[in-house]
Amino acid sequence: MTIMTTTEFAKNIKKTLDRLEFGGEEIILVRNKNKIARIIPGSPHLTAIEAMGDIYRTLAPEAAEGWLEDSRLEGKVAAETRDPWAS
């Protein structure tokens, strides 16, 4: 666990986030001698539920049903996709 001031954090944000991401360090931010935040590393891999968690219950039921039906139609999605780098 590393304790740093918010000023230190602001000046070294990239290095600090690298330490968090790659070193797995927990960071405590202090402002005016008060601990104001604790930053902890996230999981390196997300499950489908975690990745799509923000979508849950945001679609109208009709849209969700249509999405589900479209995903099960063989060949429909593949026919609609294209390679954006193809000339």
PDB file of N, CA and C in Angstrom:
ATOM      1  N   MET A   1       0.840  -1.172   0.000  1.00  0.00           N
ATOM      2  CA  MET A   1       0.000   0.000   0.000  1.00  0.00           C
ATOM      3  C   MET A   1       0.889   1.240   0.000  1.00  0.00           C
ATOM      4  N   THR A   2       0.551   2.166  -0.896  1.00  0.00           N
ATOM      5  CA  THR A   2       1.292   3.407  -1.016  1.00  0.00           C
ATOM      6  C   THR A   2       0.385   4.562  -0.619  1.00  0.00           C
ATOM      7  N   ILE A   3       0.916   5.465   0.191  1.00  0.00           N
ATOM      8  CA  ILE A   3       0.178   6.664   0.572  1.00  0.00           C
ATOM      9  C   ILE A   3       0.818   7.838  -0.136  1.00  0.00           C
ATOM     10  N   MET A   4      -0.013   8.637  -0.824  1.00  0.00           N
ATOM     11  CA  MET A   4       0.521   9.804  -1.530  1.00  0.00           C
ATOM     12  C   MET A   4      -0.485  10.940  -1.475  1.00  0.00           C
ATOM     13  N   THR A   5       0.039  12.140  -1.614  1.00  0.00           N
ATOM     14  CA  THR A   5      -0.834  13.313  -1.628  1.00  0.00           C
ATOM     15  C   THR A   5      -1.518  13.414  -2.987  1.00  0.00           C
ATOM     16  N   THR A   6      -2.594  14.151  -3.017  1.00  0.00           N
ATOM     17  CA  THR A   6      -3.293  14.339  -4.284  1.00  0.00           C
ATOM     18  C   THR A   6      -2.424  15.103  -5.278  1.00  0.00           C
ATOM     19  N   THR A   7      -1.563  15.983  -4.775  1.00  0.00           N
ATOM     20  CA  THR A   7      -0.648  16.721  -5.648  1.00  0.00           C
ATOM     21  C   THR A   7       0.344  15.764  -6.296  1.00  0.00           C
ATOM     22  N   GLU A   8       0.922  14.855  -5.488  1.00  0.00           N
ATOM     23  CA  GLU A   8       1.843  13.845  -6.036  1.00  0.00           C
ATOM     24  C   GLU A   8       1.137  13.007  -7.087  1.00  0.00           C
ATOM     25  N   PHE A   9      -0.084  12.613  -6.774  1.00  0.00           N
ATOM     26  CA  PHE A   9      -0.856  11.785  -7.700  1.00  0.00           C
ATOM     27  C   PHE A   9      -1.078  12.523  -9.016  1.00  0.00           C
ATOM     28  N   ALA A  10      -1.483  13.793  -8.923  1.00  0.00           N
ATOM     29  CA  ALA A  10      -1.744  14.578 -10.127  1.00  0.00           C
ATOM     30  C   ALA A  10      -0.485  14.749 -10.976  1.00  0.00           C
ATOM     31  N   LYS A  11       0.652  14.936 -10.338  1.00  0.00           N
ATOM     32  CA  LYS A  11       1.908  15.131 -11.069  1.00  0.00           C
ATOM     33  C   LYS A  11       2.428  13.846 -11.698  1.00  0.00           C
ATOM     34  N   ASN A  12       2.098  12.708 -11.095  1.00  0.00           N
ATOM     35  CA  ASN A  12       2.638  11.423 -11.550  1.00  0.00           C
ATOM     36  C   ASN A  12       1.539  10.420 -11.869  1.00  0.00           C
ATOM     37  N   ILE A  13       0.459  10.890 -12.459  1.00  0.00           N
ATOM     38  CA  ILE A  13      -0.698  10.019 -12.636  1.00  0.00           C
ATOM     39  C   ILE A  13      -0.389   8.786 -13.495  1.00  0.00           C
ATOM     40  N   LYS A  14       0.354   8.951 -14.581  1.00  0.00           N
ATOM     41  CA  LYS A  14       0.652   7.799 -15.448  1.00  0.00           C
ATOM     42  C   LYS A  14       1.471   6.753 -14.701  1.00  0.00           C
ATOM     43  N   LYS A  15       2.530   7.180 -14.031  1.00  0.00           N
ATOM     44  CA  LYS A  15       3.372   6.236 -13.289  1.00  0.00           C
ATOM     45  C   LYS A  15       2.573   5.551 -12.180  1.00  0.00           C
ATOM     46  N   THR A  16       1.727   6.330 -11.517  1.00  0.00           N
ATOM     47  CA  THR A  16       0.932   5.778 -10.424  1.00  0.00           C
ATOM     48  C   THR A  16      -0.065   4.747 -10.940  1.00  0.00           C
ATOM     49  N   LEU A  17      -0.725   5.058 -12.039  1.00  0.00           N
ATOM     50  CA  LEU A  17      -1.681   4.101 -12.605  1.00  0.00           C
ATOM     51  C   LEU A  17      -0.974   2.851 -13.130  1.00  0.00           C
ATOM     52  N   ASP A  18       0.236   3.010 -13.652  1.00  0.00           N
ATOM     53  CA  ASP A  18       1.024   1.846 -14.067  1.00  0.00           C
ATOM     54  C   ASP A  18       1.346   0.969 -12.867  1.00  0.00           C
ATOM     55  N   ARG A  19       1.722   1.591 -11.750  1.00  0.00           N
ATOM     56  CA  ARG A  19       2.004   0.822 -10.526  1.00  0.00           C
ATOM     57  C   ARG A  19       0.751   0.092 -10.062  1.00  0.00           C
ATOM     58  N   LEU A  20      -0.374   0.734 -10.200  1.00  0.00           N
ATOM     59  CA  LEU A  20      -1.641   0.134  -9.813  1.00  0.00           C
ATOM     60  C   LEU A  20      -1.981  -1.050 -10.724  1.00  0.00           C
ATOM     61  N   GLU A  21      -1.887  -0.815 -12.029  1.00  0.00           N
ATOM     62  CA  GLU A  21      -2.269  -1.842 -12.997  1.00  0.00           C
ATOM     63  C   GLU A  21      -1.291  -3.002 -13.051  1.00  0.00           C
ATOM     64  N   PHE A  22      -0.004  -2.695 -13.185  1.00  0.00           N
ATOM     65  CA  PHE A  22       0.979  -3.751 -13.404  1.00  0.00           C
ATOM     66  C   PHE A  22       1.596  -4.272 -12.118  1.00  0.00           C
ATOM     67  N   GLY A  23       1.671  -3.439 -11.087  1.00  0.00           N
ATOM     68  CA  GLY A  23       2.255  -3.868  -9.821  1.00  0.00           C
ATOM     69  C   GLY A  23       1.230  -4.341  -8.809  1.00  0.00           C
ATOM     70  N   GLY A  24      -0.052  -4.072  -9.094  1.00  0.00           N
ATOM     71  CA  GLY A  24      -1.093  -4.495  -8.182  1.00  0.00           C
ATOM     72  C   GLY A  24      -1.091  -3.748  -6.857  1.00  0.00           C
ATOM     73  N   GLU A  25      -0.493  -2.554  -6.847  1.00  0.00           N
ATOM     74  CA  GLU A  25      -0.399  -1.775  -5.609  1.00  0.00           C
ATOM     75  C   GLU A  25      -1.712  -1.086  -5.283  1.00  0.00           C
ATOM     76  N   GLU A  26      -2.003  -0.973  -4.014  1.00  0.00           N
ATOM     77  CA  GLU A  26      -3.134  -0.192  -3.539  1.00  0.00           C
ATOM     78  C   GLU A  26      -2.614   1.212  -3.233  1.00  0.00           C
ATOM     79  N   ILE A  27      -3.364   2.232  -3.630  1.00  0.00           N
ATOM     80  CA  ILE A  27      -2.943   3.611  -3.450  1.00  0.00           C
ATOM     81  C   ILE A  27      -3.949   4.325  -2.531  1.00  0.00           C
ATOM     82  N   ILE A  28      -3.437   5.009  -1.514  1.00  0.00           N
ATOM     83  CA  ILE A  28      -4.262   5.837  -0.639  1.00  0.00           C
ATOM     84  C   ILE A  28      -3.932   7.289  -0.951  1.00  0.00           C
ATOM     85  N   LEU A  29      -4.957   8.085  -1.258  1.00  0.00           N
ATOM     86  CA  LEU A  29      -4.755   9.503  -1.543  1.00  0.00           C
ATOM     87  C   LEU A  29      -5.084  10.331  -0.311  1.00  0.00           C
ATOM     88  N   VAL A  30      -4.202  11.297  -0.026  1.00  0.00           N
ATOM     89  CA  VAL A  30      -4.329  12.143   1.154  1.00  0.00           C
ATOM     90  C   VAL A  30      -4.381  13.598   0.716  1.00  0.00           C
ATOM     91  N   ARG A  31      -5.330  14.347   1.305  1.00  0.00           N
ATOM     92  CA  ARG A  31      -5.404  15.788   1.061  1.00  0.00           C
ATOM     93  C   ARG A  31      -5.613  16.468   2.414  1.00  0.00           C
ATOM     94  N   ASN A  32      -4.771  17.419   2.712  1.00  0.00           N
ATOM     95  CA  ASN A  32      -4.823  18.120   4.002  1.00  0.00           C
ATOM     96  C   ASN A  32      -4.782  17.145   5.183  1.00  0.00           C
ATOM     97  N   LYS A  33      -3.919  16.156   5.073  1.00  0.00           N
ATOM     98  CA  LYS A  33      -3.687  15.140   6.104  1.00  0.00           C
ATOM     99  C   LYS A  33      -4.890  14.226   6.360  1.00  0.00           C
ATOM    100  N   ASN A  34      -5.880  14.277   5.460  1.00  0.00           N
ATOM    101  CA  ASN A  34      -7.047  13.394   5.561  1.00  0.00           C
ATOM    102  C   ASN A  34      -7.032  12.400   4.414  1.00  0.00           C
ATOM    103  N   LYS A  35      -7.244  11.133   4.729  1.00  0.00           N
ATOM    104  CA  LYS A  35      -7.354  10.125   3.675  1.00  0.00           C
ATOM    105  C   LYS A  35      -8.685  10.341   2.969  1.00  0.00           C
ATOM    106  N   ILE A  36      -8.614  10.585   1.659  1.00  0.00           N
ATOM    107  CA  ILE A  36      -9.841  10.884   0.922  1.00  0.00           C
ATOM    108  C   ILE A  36     -10.240   9.795  -0.066  1.00  0.00           C
ATOM    109  N   ALA A  37      -9.290   8.937  -0.455  1.00  0.00           N
ATOM    110  CA  ALA A  37      -9.621   7.913  -1.438  1.00  0.00           C
ATOM    111  C   ALA A  37      -8.670   6.733  -1.323  1.00  0.00           C
ATOM    112  N   ARG A  38      -9.182   5.599  -1.699  1.00  0.00           N
ATOM    113  CA  ARG A  38      -8.378   4.387  -1.785  1.00  0.00           C
ATOM    114  C   ARG A  38      -8.602   3.812  -3.175  1.00  0.00           C
ATOM    115  N   ILE A  39      -7.526   3.657  -3.912  1.00  0.00           N
ATOM    116  CA  ILE A  39      -7.614   3.114  -5.270  1.00  0.00           C
ATOM    117  C   ILE A  39      -7.032   1.708  -5.227  1.00  0.00           C
ATOM    118  N   ILE A  40      -7.832   0.744  -5.649  1.00  0.00           N
ATOM    119  CA  ILE A  40      -7.380  -0.647  -5.637  1.00  0.00           C
ATOM    120  C   ILE A  40      -7.349  -1.173  -7.063  1.00  0.00           C
ATOM    121  N   PRO A  41      -6.443  -2.096  -7.348  1.00  0.00           N
ATOM    122  CA  PRO A  41      -6.370  -2.635  -8.709  1.00  0.00           C
ATOM    123  C   PRO A  41      -7.607  -3.470  -9.021  1.00  0.00           C
ATOM    124  N   GLY A  42      -8.035  -3.386 -10.257  1.00  0.00           N
ATOM    125  CA  GLY A  42      -9.168  -4.185 -10.703  1.00  0.00           C
ATOM    126  C   GLY A  42      -8.706  -5.555 -11.159  1.00  0.00           C
ATOM    127  N   SER A  43      -9.673  -6.394 -11.434  1.00  0.00           N
ATOM    128  CA  SER A  43      -9.374  -7.720 -11.947  1.00  0.00           C
ATOM    129  C   SER A  43      -8.785  -7.584 -13.349  1.00  0.00           C
ATOM    130  N   PRO A  44      -7.741  -8.341 -13.673  1.00  0.00           N
ATOM    131  CA  PRO A  44      -7.148  -8.210 -15.002  1.00  0.00           C
ATOM    132  C   PRO A  44      -8.051  -8.738 -16.120  1.00  0.00           C
ATOM    133  N   HIS A  45      -9.013  -9.578 -15.759  1.00  0.00           N
ATOM    134  CA  HIS A  45      -9.914 -10.149 -16.766  1.00  0.00           C
ATOM    135  C   HIS A  45     -11.350  -9.956 -16.311  1.00  0.00           C
ATOM    136  N   LEU A  46     -12.215  -9.615 -17.244  1.00  0.00           N
ATOM    137  CA  LEU A  46     -13.620  -9.441 -16.935  1.00  0.00           C
ATOM    138  C   LEU A  46     -14.424 -10.617 -17.455  1.00  0.00           C
ATOM    139  N   THR A  47     -15.436 -10.991 -16.709  1.00  0.00           N
ATOM    140  CA  THR A  47     -16.384 -11.974 -17.214  1.00  0.00           C
ATOM    141  C   THR A  47     -17.352 -11.242 -18.137  1.00  0.00           C
ATOM    142  N   ALA A  48     -18.127 -11.969 -18.896  1.00  0.00           N
ATOM    143  CA  ALA A  48     -19.107 -11.347 -19.784  1.00  0.00           C
ATOM    144  C   ALA A  48     -20.110 -10.532 -18.976  1.00  0.00           C
ATOM    145  N   ILE A  49     -20.501 -11.029 -17.822  1.00  0.00           N
ATOM    146  CA  ILE A  49     -21.446 -10.310 -16.972  1.00  0.00           C
ATOM    147  C   ILE A  49     -20.849  -8.978 -16.516  1.00  0.00           C
ATOM    148  N   GLU A  50     -19.570  -8.976 -16.130  1.00  0.00           N
ATOM    149  CA  GLU A  50     -18.924  -7.740 -15.694  1.00  0.00           C
ATOM    150  C   GLU A  50     -18.783  -6.758 -16.857  1.00  0.00           C
ATOM    151  N   ALA A  51     -18.393  -7.264 -18.013  1.00  0.00           N
ATOM    152  CA  ALA A  51     -18.193  -6.400 -19.175  1.00  0.00           C
ATOM    153  C   ALA A  51     -19.506  -5.792 -19.664  1.00  0.00           C
ATOM    154  N   MET A  52     -20.570  -6.555 -19.598  1.00  0.00           N
ATOM    155  CA  MET A  52     -21.868  -6.096 -20.089  1.00  0.00           C
ATOM    156  C   MET A  52     -22.768  -5.588 -18.960  1.00  0.00           C
ATOM    157  N   GLY A  53     -22.233  -5.493 -17.753  1.00  0.00           N
ATOM    158  CA  GLY A  53     -23.034  -5.136 -16.588  1.00  0.00           C
ATOM    159  C   GLY A  53     -23.757  -3.812 -16.699  1.00  0.00           C
ATOM    160  N   ASP A  54     -23.176  -2.842 -17.391  1.00  0.00           N
ATOM    161  CA  ASP A  54     -23.829  -1.541 -17.518  1.00  0.00           C
ATOM    162  C   ASP A  54     -25.034  -1.580 -18.446  1.00  0.00           C
ATOM    163  N   ILE A  55     -25.114  -2.579 -19.295  1.00  0.00           N
ATOM    164  CA  ILE A  55     -26.224  -2.685 -20.236  1.00  0.00           C
ATOM    165  C   ILE A  55     -27.440  -3.319 -19.570  1.00  0.00           C
ATOM    166  N   TYR A  56     -27.184  -4.116 -18.548  1.00  0.00           N
ATOM    167  CA  TYR A  56     -28.253  -4.834 -17.869  1.00  0.00           C
ATOM    168  C   TYR A  56     -29.377  -3.889 -17.450  1.00  0.00           C
ATOM    169  N   ARG A  57     -30.562  -4.195 -17.856  1.00  0.00           N
ATOM    170  CA  ARG A  57     -31.776  -3.442 -17.543  1.00  0.00           C
ATOM    171  C   ARG A  57     -31.791  -2.019 -18.100  1.00  0.00           C
ATOM    172  N   THR A  58     -30.971  -1.739 -19.085  1.00  0.00           N
ATOM    173  CA  THR A  58     -31.031  -0.421 -19.714  1.00  0.00           C
ATOM    174  C   THR A  58     -31.741  -0.486 -21.058  1.00  0.00           C
ATOM    175  N   LEU A  59     -31.853  -1.673 -21.626  1.00  0.00           N
ATOM    176  CA  LEU A  59     -32.577  -1.838 -22.878  1.00  0.00           C
ATOM    177  C   LEU A  59     -34.055  -2.039 -22.594  1.00  0.00           C
ATOM    178  N   ALA A  60     -34.883  -1.526 -23.475  1.00  0.00           N
ATOM    179  CA  ALA A  60     -36.317  -1.812 -23.378  1.00  0.00           C
ATOM    180  C   ALA A  60     -36.499  -3.306 -23.628  1.00  0.00           C
ATOM    181  N   PRO A  61     -37.476  -3.940 -22.991  1.00  0.00           N
ATOM    182  CA  PRO A  61     -37.676  -5.383 -23.180  1.00  0.00           C
ATOM    183  C   PRO A  61     -37.816  -5.785 -24.649  1.00  0.00           C
ATOM    184  N   GLU A  62     -38.487  -4.926 -25.447  1.00  0.00           N
ATOM    185  CA  GLU A  62     -38.663  -5.247 -26.874  1.00  0.00           C
ATOM    186  C   GLU A  62     -37.320  -5.237 -27.612  1.00  0.00           C
ATOM    187  N   ALA A  63     -36.488  -4.272 -27.283  1.00  0.00           N
ATOM    188  CA  ALA A  63     -35.169  -4.182 -27.917  1.00  0.00           C
ATOM    189  C   ALA A  63     -34.310  -5.373 -27.517  1.00  0.00           C
ATOM    190  N   ALA A  64     -34.382  -5.753 -26.252  1.00  0.00           N
ATOM    191  CA  ALA A  64     -33.605  -6.901 -25.783  1.00  0.00           C
ATOM    192  C   ALA A  64     -34.050  -8.181 -26.487  1.00  0.00           C
ATOM    193  N   GLU A  65     -35.364  -8.341 -26.644  1.00  0.00           N
ATOM    194  CA  GLU A  65     -35.881  -9.526 -27.348  1.00  0.00           C
ATOM    195  C   GLU A  65     -35.395  -9.551 -28.795  1.00  0.00           C
ATOM    196  N   GLY A  66     -35.445  -8.395 -29.451  1.00  0.00           N
ATOM    197  CA  GLY A  66     -34.985  -8.319 -30.835  1.00  0.00           C
ATOM    198  C   GLY A  66     -33.506  -8.631 -30.954  1.00  0.00           C
ATOM    199  N   TRP A  67     -32.724  -8.133 -30.012  1.00  0.00           N
ATOM    200  CA  TRP A  67     -31.289  -8.385 -29.989  1.00  0.00           C
ATOM    201  C   TRP A  67     -31.023  -9.878 -29.821  1.00  0.00           C
ATOM    202  N   LEU A  68     -31.757 -10.491 -28.905  1.00  0.00           N
ATOM    203  CA  LEU A  68     -31.588 -11.921 -28.659  1.00  0.00           C
ATOM    204  C   LEU A  68     -31.966 -12.723 -29.893  1.00  0.00           C
ATOM    205  N   GLU A  69     -33.078 -12.388 -30.520  1.00  0.00           N
ATOM    206  CA  GLU A  69     -33.503 -13.103 -31.730  1.00  0.00           C
ATOM    207  C   GLU A  69     -32.469 -12.949 -32.848  1.00  0.00           C
ATOM    208  N   ASP A  70     -31.986 -11.726 -33.055  1.00  0.00           N
ATOM    209  CA  ASP A  70     -30.996 -11.479 -34.106  1.00  0.00           C
ATOM    210  C   ASP A  70     -29.709 -12.259 -33.863  1.00  0.00           C
ATOM    211  N   SER A  71     -29.334 -12.397 -32.608  1.00  0.00           N
ATOM    212  CA  SER A  71     -28.087 -13.096 -32.308  1.00  0.00           C
ATOM    213  C   SER A  71     -28.178 -14.586 -32.598  1.00  0.00           C
ATOM    214  N   ARG A  72     -29.398 -15.092 -32.667  1.00  0.00           N
ATOM    215  CA  ARG A  72     -29.581 -16.531 -32.901  1.00  0.00           C
ATOM    216  C   ARG A  72     -29.842 -16.869 -34.356  1.00  0.00           C
ATOM    217  N   LEU A  73     -30.030 -15.887 -35.217  1.00  0.00           N
ATOM    218  CA  LEU A  73     -30.277 -16.152 -36.624  1.00  0.00           C
ATOM    219  C   LEU A  73     -28.963 -16.448 -37.322  1.00  0.00           C
ATOM    220  N   GLU A  74     -28.854 -17.626 -37.838  1.00  0.00           N
ATOM    221  CA  GLU A  74     -27.614 -18.041 -38.485  1.00  0.00           C
ATOM    222  C   GLU A  74     -27.388 -17.250 -39.769  1.00  0.00           C
ATOM    223  N   GLY A  75     -26.198 -16.690 -39.892  1.00  0.00           N
ATOM    224  CA  GLY A  75     -25.809 -15.988 -41.106  1.00  0.00           C
ATOM    225  C   GLY A  75     -26.277 -14.547 -41.193  1.00  0.00           C
ATOM    226  N   LYS A  76     -27.270 -14.151 -40.427  1.00  0.00           N
ATOM    227  CA  LYS A  76     -27.785 -12.786 -40.544  1.00  0.00           C
ATOM    228  C   LYS A  76     -26.741 -11.745 -40.145  1.00  0.00           C
ATOM    229  N   VAL A  77     -26.135 -11.932 -39.004  1.00  0.00           N
ATOM    230  CA  VAL A  77     -25.155 -10.944 -38.539  1.00  0.00           C
ATOM    231  C   VAL A  77     -23.920 -10.965 -39.430  1.00  0.00           C
ATOM    232  N   ALA A  78     -23.456 -12.147 -39.779  1.00  0.00           N
ATOM    233  CA  ALA A  78     -22.253 -12.251 -40.609  1.00  0.00           C
ATOM    234  C   ALA A  78     -22.462 -11.586 -41.962  1.00  0.00           C
ATOM    235  N   ALA A  79     -23.661 -11.657 -42.509  1.00  0.00           N
ATOM    236  CA  ALA A  79     -23.939 -11.049 -43.811  1.00  0.00           C
ATOM    237  C   ALA A  79     -23.917  -9.526 -43.712  1.00  0.00           C
ATOM    238  N   GLU A  80     -24.229  -8.992 -42.556  1.00  0.00           N
ATOM    239  CA  GLU A  80     -24.300  -7.550 -42.386  1.00  0.00           C
ATOM    240  C   GLU A  80     -22.950  -6.932 -42.020  1.00  0.00           C
ATOM    241  N   THR A  81     -22.002  -7.734 -41.586  1.00  0.00           N
ATOM    242  CA  THR A  81     -20.719  -7.178 -41.191  1.00  0.00           C
ATOM    243  C   THR A  81     -19.799  -7.066 -42.392  1.00  0.00           C
ATOM    244  N   ARG A  82     -18.851  -6.143 -42.272  1.00  0.00           N
ATOM    245  CA  ARG A  82     -17.885  -5.977 -43.353  1.00  0.00           C
ATOM    246  C   ARG A  82     -16.529  -5.640 -42.733  1.00  0.00           C
ATOM    247  N   ASP A  83     -15.498  -5.843 -43.487  1.00  0.00           N
ATOM    248  CA  ASP A  83     -14.142  -5.536 -43.026  1.00  0.00           C
ATOM    249  C   ASP A  83     -13.884  -4.061 -43.316  1.00  0.00           C
ATOM    250  N   PRO A  84     -13.748  -3.221 -42.269  1.00  0.00           N
ATOM    251  CA  PRO A  84     -13.548  -1.784 -42.519  1.00  0.00           C
ATOM    252  C   PRO A  84     -12.194  -1.458 -43.155  1.00  0.00           C
ATOM    253  N   TRP A  85     -11.243  -2.365 -43.125  1.00  0.00           N
ATOM    254  CA  TRP A  85      -9.930  -2.125 -43.706  1.00  0.00           C
ATOM    255  C   TRP A  85      -9.799  -2.669 -45.122  1.00  0.00           C
ATOM    256  N   ALA A  86     -10.824  -3.376 -45.566  1.00  0.00           N
ATOM    257  CA  ALA A  86     -10.779  -3.914 -46.931  1.00  0.00           C
ATOM    258  C   ALA A  86     -10.932  -2.764 -47.917  1.00  0.00           C
ATOM    259  N   SER A  87     -10.214  -2.839 -49.011  1.00  0.00           N
ATOM    260  CA  SER A  87     -10.317  -1.739 -49.986  1.00  0.00           C
ATOM    261  C   SER A  87     -11.235  -2.095 -51.117  1.00  0.00           C
TER     262      SER A  87
END
